[in-house]
């Protein structure tokens, strides 16, 4: 009987930890960084196409990452929806295995991770996991207006 009680407590504790860890999965979190200037961060971002001229959605992926395919579809859909805006966002997919220095610079700890940069090259949002299309659209849409920078 004691063993059953211990097993039940362990299962409940594991469930609670899992819920807490997954709660932030896919959530759009605000980030605040200065505009792109000179330096290694700007150079690494420019190498993948983020120059700070238009908003950009940068998502880190890898060939071996299953959920990255879902992020690819969500980002492509949101970027396509915003293609007719004054400053349509870029869709930039970065292979973490090909760009480890950029991943280190942006502190990418897990895949998939998505960043939203405004037209000045400032990191505005960070998303760990697969974002909901509506959440990503509401984060990117205001940045596509000409006066949003």
Foldseek 3Di string as FASTA:
>chain_A
DVVVVVVVVVVVVVVVVVCVVCVQAQPKDWDWDDFDDDDDLCVLCVVQPQNLQAKEKEKEDAPPDDQVVLQVVLVVVLLVVQVPFQGRYHYTYHYCVVRVVNCVVVVPDDPTKMFIAASRRTTTIIHHHRHDSVNVNVVCVLRRHPPSD
